[in-house]
Amino acid sequence: METKQRKTGVKDAYTQYWILGLIDRHKQLRISDPERDIAEIKAELRKHAVLQKLLGWTPQPTVRPGDIKLVSLKHGEKTRTAHPLINTLAAKAVNFADFAADSAWDRCKSVTAQSGDECVDGSWIFATLPSDSSILFPARIAEIWKGVRSNILIVERFQSSSSRDPAYG
């Protein structure tokens, strides 16, 4: 094990200490009870958070469709700058009247798609209309905003055609 780690270049003193300890612990468990089930050994190793992380057993953070990530604060900023909705691309949206024009919104970096993918500004997606969820259309994300009660995804809507455009081919 130690030789393999040296060849891959991932060895450092701290990690090696835990890995050698893990190997020794496994040997002790196997010697003390050779018939012990491997599931029991795994259960014992799961009790130690540091070992879990070293073994890659830590669970991935769960993400749900629609989860958003806010844009990071710039160096030295302590608070976010809220933007009035009227100063965003949402002001050009068909359903802009559904929202208060002077309401405050925070800029977002990404949104999680139904597939679990992280979508950022410029990502291509398939979306449905807020007024009619049966209409599915291709779109590109223009802006992502977080409000007090809801989130808004501003998209550029595209239309697919059965024939090529005469001007653009």
C-alpha atoms as a PDB file:
ATOM      1  CA  MET A   1       0.000   0.000   0.000  1.00  0.00           C
ATOM      2  CA  GLU A   2       2.742   2.436   0.970  1.00  0.00           C
ATOM      3  CA  THR A   3       4.675   1.700  -2.250  1.00  0.00           C
ATOM      4  CA  LYS A   4       1.561   2.309  -4.348  1.00  0.00           C
ATOM      5  CA  GLN A   5       0.998   5.674  -2.661  1.00  0.00           C
ATOM      6  CA  ARG A   6       4.572   6.766  -3.265  1.00  0.00           C
ATOM      7  CA  LYS A   7       4.201   5.955  -6.962  1.00  0.00           C
ATOM      8  CA  THR A   8       1.013   8.003  -7.286  1.00  0.00           C
ATOM      9  CA  GLY A   9       2.410  10.977  -5.375  1.00  0.00           C
ATOM     10  CA  VAL A  10      -0.436  11.290  -2.863  1.00  0.00           C
ATOM     11  CA  LYS A  11       1.541  10.397   0.230  1.00  0.00           C
ATOM     12  CA  ASP A  12       2.020  12.929   2.983  1.00  0.00           C
ATOM     13  CA  ALA A  13       2.859  12.468   6.640  1.00  0.00           C
ATOM     14  CA  TYR A  14      -0.642  13.082   8.008  1.00  0.00           C
ATOM     15  CA  THR A  15      -2.437  10.854   5.536  1.00  0.00           C
ATOM     16  CA  GLN A  16       0.166   8.112   5.821  1.00  0.00           C
ATOM     17  CA  TYR A  17      -0.270   8.079   9.605  1.00  0.00           C
ATOM     18  CA  TRP A  18      -3.992   7.394   9.245  1.00  0.00           C
ATOM     19  CA  ILE A  19      -3.581   4.889   6.425  1.00  0.00           C
ATOM     20  CA  LEU A  20      -1.006   2.867   8.351  1.00  0.00           C
ATOM     21  CA  GLY A  21      -3.272   3.034  11.401  1.00  0.00           C
ATOM     22  CA  LEU A  22      -6.169   1.811   9.297  1.00  0.00           C
ATOM     23  CA  ILE A  23      -4.131  -1.085   7.904  1.00  0.00           C
ATOM     24  CA  ASP A  24      -2.974  -2.037  11.421  1.00  0.00           C
ATOM     25  CA  ARG A  25      -6.541  -1.838  12.750  1.00  0.00           C
ATOM     26  CA  HIS A  26      -7.779  -4.067   9.925  1.00  0.00           C
ATOM     27  CA  LYS A  27      -5.014  -6.607  10.643  1.00  0.00           C
ATOM     28  CA  GLN A  28      -5.882  -6.598  14.360  1.00  0.00           C
ATOM     29  CA  LEU A  29      -9.555  -7.170  13.617  1.00  0.00           C
ATOM     30  CA  ARG A  30      -8.804 -10.007  11.193  1.00  0.00           C
ATOM     31  CA  ILE A  31      -6.353 -11.682  13.618  1.00  0.00           C
ATOM     32  CA  SER A  32      -8.641 -11.372  16.631  1.00  0.00           C
ATOM     33  CA  ASP A  33     -11.542 -12.901  14.719  1.00  0.00           C
ATOM     34  CA  PRO A  34     -10.681 -14.372  11.288  1.00  0.00           C
ATOM     35  CA  GLU A  35     -14.316 -15.322  10.710  1.00  0.00           C
ATOM     36  CA  ARG A  36     -15.531 -11.787  11.299  1.00  0.00           C
ATOM     37  CA  ASP A  37     -17.787 -10.510   8.560  1.00  0.00           C
ATOM     38  CA  ILE A  38     -16.368  -7.746   6.356  1.00  0.00           C
ATOM     39  CA  ALA A  39     -19.594  -5.762   6.893  1.00  0.00           C
ATOM     40  CA  GLU A  40     -18.823  -5.580  10.624  1.00  0.00           C
ATOM     41  CA  ILE A  41     -15.340  -4.253   9.900  1.00  0.00           C
ATOM     42  CA  LYS A  42     -16.791  -1.623   7.560  1.00  0.00           C
ATOM     43  CA  ALA A  43     -19.321  -0.661  10.239  1.00  0.00           C
ATOM     44  CA  GLU A  44     -16.500  -0.110  12.720  1.00  0.00           C
ATOM     45  CA  LEU A  45     -14.537   1.978  10.233  1.00  0.00           C
ATOM     46  CA  ARG A  46     -17.631   4.111   9.592  1.00  0.00           C
ATOM     47  CA  LYS A  47     -17.532   5.261  13.230  1.00  0.00           C
ATOM     48  CA  HIS A  48     -14.374   7.289  12.515  1.00  0.00           C
ATOM     49  CA  ALA A  49     -15.058  10.460  10.505  1.00  0.00           C
ATOM     50  CA  VAL A  50     -11.403  11.038   9.588  1.00  0.00           C
ATOM     51  CA  LEU A  51     -11.069   7.519   8.219  1.00  0.00           C
ATOM     52  CA  GLN A  52     -14.300   7.921   6.285  1.00  0.00           C
ATOM     53  CA  LYS A  53     -12.985  11.020   4.576  1.00  0.00           C
ATOM     54  CA  LEU A  54      -9.646   9.381   3.768  1.00  0.00           C
ATOM     55  CA  LEU A  55     -11.433   6.369   2.299  1.00  0.00           C
ATOM     56  CA  GLY A  56     -13.792   8.541   0.267  1.00  0.00           C
ATOM     57  CA  TRP A  57     -16.845   7.312   2.167  1.00  0.00           C
ATOM     58  CA  THR A  58     -18.213  10.724   3.033  1.00  0.00           C
ATOM     59  CA  PRO A  59     -21.609  11.247   1.445  1.00  0.00           C
ATOM     60  CA  GLN A  60     -21.890  13.710  -1.406  1.00  0.00           C
ATOM     61  CA  PRO A  61     -23.967  16.771  -0.585  1.00  0.00           C
ATOM     62  CA  THR A  62     -27.537  16.199  -1.659  1.00  0.00           C
ATOM     63  CA  VAL A  63     -28.816  18.601  -4.265  1.00  0.00           C
ATOM     64  CA  ARG A  64     -32.416  19.005  -5.318  1.00  0.00           C
ATOM     65  CA  PRO A  65     -33.689  20.298  -8.628  1.00  0.00           C
ATOM     66  CA  GLY A  66     -34.157  24.042  -8.321  1.00  0.00           C
ATOM     67  CA  ASP A  67     -31.441  24.529  -5.675  1.00  0.00           C
ATOM     68  CA  ILE A  68     -29.445  27.663  -6.380  1.00  0.00           C
ATOM     69  CA  LYS A  69     -26.024  29.010  -5.448  1.00  0.00           C
ATOM     70  CA  LEU A  70     -25.574  32.713  -4.867  1.00  0.00           C
ATOM     71  CA  VAL A  71     -22.740  34.606  -6.519  1.00  0.00           C
ATOM     72  CA  SER A  72     -19.791  34.868  -4.129  1.00  0.00           C
ATOM     73  CA  LEU A  73     -19.144  38.148  -2.387  1.00  0.00           C
ATOM     74  CA  LYS A  74     -16.241  40.121  -3.807  1.00  0.00           C
ATOM     75  CA  HIS A  75     -13.125  40.572  -1.698  1.00  0.00           C
ATOM     76  CA  GLY A  76     -13.828  42.999   1.130  1.00  0.00           C
ATOM     77  CA  GLU A  77     -17.625  42.948   0.761  1.00  0.00           C
ATOM     78  CA  LYS A  78     -19.588  42.042   3.865  1.00  0.00           C
ATOM     79  CA  THR A  79     -23.139  42.167   2.504  1.00  0.00           C
ATOM     80  CA  ARG A  80     -24.848  41.413  -0.783  1.00  0.00           C
ATOM     81  CA  THR A  81     -26.091  44.126  -3.078  1.00  0.00           C
ATOM     82  CA  ALA A  82     -29.777  43.606  -3.791  1.00  0.00           C
ATOM     83  CA  HIS A  83     -30.966  44.554  -7.268  1.00  0.00           C
ATOM     84  CA  PRO A  84     -34.447  45.895  -8.048  1.00  0.00           C
ATOM     85  CA  LEU A  85     -36.206  43.538 -10.447  1.00  0.00           C
ATOM     86  CA  ILE A  86     -36.816  46.361 -12.899  1.00  0.00           C
ATOM     87  CA  ASN A  87     -33.021  46.655 -13.422  1.00  0.00           C
ATOM     88  CA  THR A  88     -32.682  43.026 -14.522  1.00  0.00           C
ATOM     89  CA  LEU A  89     -33.524  41.203 -17.749  1.00  0.00           C
ATOM     90  CA  ALA A  90     -36.741  40.145 -16.008  1.00  0.00           C
ATOM     91  CA  ALA A  91     -38.135  43.585 -16.864  1.00  0.00           C
ATOM     92  CA  LYS A  92     -38.463  42.364 -20.473  1.00  0.00           C
ATOM     93  CA  ALA A  93     -40.236  39.129 -19.495  1.00  0.00           C
ATOM     94  CA  VAL A  94     -43.799  38.408 -20.537  1.00  0.00           C
ATOM     95  CA  ASN A  95     -44.874  37.773 -16.946  1.00  0.00           C
ATOM     96  CA  PHE A  96     -42.993  40.730 -15.385  1.00  0.00           C
ATOM     97  CA  ALA A  97     -46.295  42.111 -14.051  1.00  0.00           C
ATOM     98  CA  ASP A  98     -46.559  39.061 -11.744  1.00  0.00           C
ATOM     99  CA  PHE A  99     -43.755  40.532  -9.594  1.00  0.00           C
ATOM    100  CA  ALA A 100     -43.214  43.832  -7.792  1.00  0.00           C
ATOM    101  CA  ALA A 101     -40.925  45.965  -9.973  1.00  0.00           C
ATOM    102  CA  ASP A 102     -39.069  47.412  -6.971  1.00  0.00           C
ATOM    103  CA  SER A 103     -38.614  44.073  -5.163  1.00  0.00           C
ATOM    104  CA  ALA A 104     -35.028  43.181  -4.199  1.00  0.00           C
ATOM    105  CA  TRP A 105     -33.236  40.205  -5.777  1.00  0.00           C
ATOM    106  CA  ASP A 106     -29.795  38.649  -5.298  1.00  0.00           C
ATOM    107  CA  ARG A 107     -27.702  37.491  -8.266  1.00  0.00           C
ATOM    108  CA  CYS A 108     -27.066  33.750  -8.435  1.00  0.00           C
ATOM    109  CA  LYS A 109     -24.251  31.710  -9.900  1.00  0.00           C
ATOM    110  CA  SER A 110     -26.057  28.470 -10.744  1.00  0.00           C
ATOM    111  CA  VAL A 111     -29.220  26.404 -10.495  1.00  0.00           C
ATOM    112  CA  THR A 112     -29.574  22.623 -10.246  1.00  0.00           C
ATOM    113  CA  ALA A 113     -31.439  20.974 -13.119  1.00  0.00           C
ATOM    114  CA  GLN A 114     -33.796  17.991 -12.737  1.00  0.00           C
ATOM    115  CA  SER A 115     -30.911  15.784 -13.903  1.00  0.00           C
ATOM    116  CA  GLY A 116     -28.768  17.063 -11.009  1.00  0.00           C
ATOM    117  CA  ASP A 117     -26.487  19.036 -13.344  1.00  0.00           C
ATOM    118  CA  GLU A 118     -25.329  22.491 -12.311  1.00  0.00           C
ATOM    119  CA  CYS A 119     -26.523  25.080 -14.862  1.00  0.00           C
ATOM    120  CA  VAL A 120     -24.934  28.526 -15.097  1.00  0.00           C
ATOM    121  CA  ASP A 121     -25.622  31.605 -17.229  1.00  0.00           C
ATOM    122  CA  GLY A 122     -25.335  30.520 -20.861  1.00  0.00           C
ATOM    123  CA  SER A 123     -26.337  26.887 -20.227  1.00  0.00           C
ATOM    124  CA  TRP A 124     -28.777  25.345 -22.691  1.00  0.00           C
ATOM    125  CA  ILE A 125     -31.864  23.820 -21.113  1.00  0.00           C
ATOM    126  CA  PHE A 126     -35.390  22.703 -21.876  1.00  0.00           C
ATOM    127  CA  ALA A 127     -37.934  24.751 -19.948  1.00  0.00           C
ATOM    128  CA  THR A 128     -41.682  25.026 -19.545  1.00  0.00           C
ATOM    129  CA  LEU A 129     -43.816  28.128 -19.449  1.00  0.00           C
ATOM    130  CA  PRO A 130     -44.899  29.305 -15.977  1.00  0.00           C
ATOM    131  CA  SER A 131     -48.417  29.770 -17.341  1.00  0.00           C
ATOM    132  CA  ASP A 132     -48.614  26.403 -19.172  1.00  0.00           C
ATOM    133  CA  SER A 133     -46.333  23.580 -18.022  1.00  0.00           C
ATOM    134  CA  SER A 134     -47.326  21.427 -21.019  1.00  0.00           C
ATOM    135  CA  ILE A 135     -45.315  23.674 -23.374  1.00  0.00           C
ATOM    136  CA  LEU A 136     -41.673  22.567 -23.485  1.00  0.00           C
ATOM    137  CA  PHE A 137     -39.119  24.675 -25.361  1.00  0.00           C
ATOM    138  CA  PRO A 138     -35.329  24.949 -25.787  1.00  0.00           C
ATOM    139  CA  ALA A 139     -33.791  27.917 -23.987  1.00  0.00           C
ATOM    140  CA  ARG A 140     -30.531  29.399 -22.800  1.00  0.00           C
ATOM    141  CA  ILE A 141     -30.152  30.734 -19.259  1.00  0.00           C
ATOM    142  CA  ALA A 142     -29.612  34.511 -19.238  1.00  0.00           C
ATOM    143  CA  GLU A 143     -29.816  35.301 -15.496  1.00  0.00           C
ATOM    144  CA  ILE A 144     -30.599  33.555 -12.215  1.00  0.00           C
ATOM    145  CA  TRP A 145     -32.081  35.562  -9.314  1.00  0.00           C
ATOM    146  CA  LYS A 146     -33.051  34.752  -5.723  1.00  0.00           C
ATOM    147  CA  GLY A 147     -35.808  36.667  -4.020  1.00  0.00           C
ATOM    148  CA  VAL A 148     -37.290  36.524  -0.540  1.00  0.00           C
ATOM    149  CA  ARG A 149     -40.076  34.084  -1.461  1.00  0.00           C
ATOM    150  CA  SER A 150     -39.017  32.652  -4.817  1.00  0.00           C
ATOM    151  CA  ASN A 151     -36.299  32.315  -7.418  1.00  0.00           C
ATOM    152  CA  ILE A 152     -36.411  33.528 -11.004  1.00  0.00           C
ATOM    153  CA  LEU A 153     -34.681  31.987 -13.981  1.00  0.00           C
ATOM    154  CA  ILE A 154     -34.519  34.374 -16.946  1.00  0.00           C
ATOM    155  CA  VAL A 155     -34.169  32.421 -20.192  1.00  0.00           C
ATOM    156  CA  GLU A 156     -33.849  33.245 -23.870  1.00  0.00           C
ATOM    157  CA  ARG A 157     -36.512  31.184 -25.587  1.00  0.00           C
ATOM    158  CA  PHE A 158     -35.703  29.466 -28.874  1.00  0.00           C
ATOM    159  CA  GLN A 159     -37.955  27.843 -31.406  1.00  0.00           C
ATOM    160  CA  SER A 160     -37.086  24.706 -33.339  1.00  0.00           C
ATOM    161  CA  SER A 161     -38.262  24.455 -36.902  1.00  0.00           C
ATOM    162  CA  SER A 162     -38.876  21.545 -39.238  1.00  0.00           C
ATOM    163  CA  SER A 163     -36.891  23.260 -42.017  1.00  0.00           C
ATOM    164  CA  ARG A 164     -33.731  25.342 -42.276  1.00  0.00           C
ATOM    165  CA  ASP A 165     -33.884  29.105 -42.151  1.00  0.00           C
ATOM    166  CA  PRO A 166     -33.653  30.525 -45.697  1.00  0.00           C
ATOM    167  CA  ALA A 167     -31.264  33.315 -44.670  1.00  0.00           C
ATOM    168  CA  TYR A 168     -28.964  31.463 -42.251  1.00  0.00           C
ATOM    169  CA  GLY A 169     -29.114  27.955 -43.728  1.00  0.00           C
END
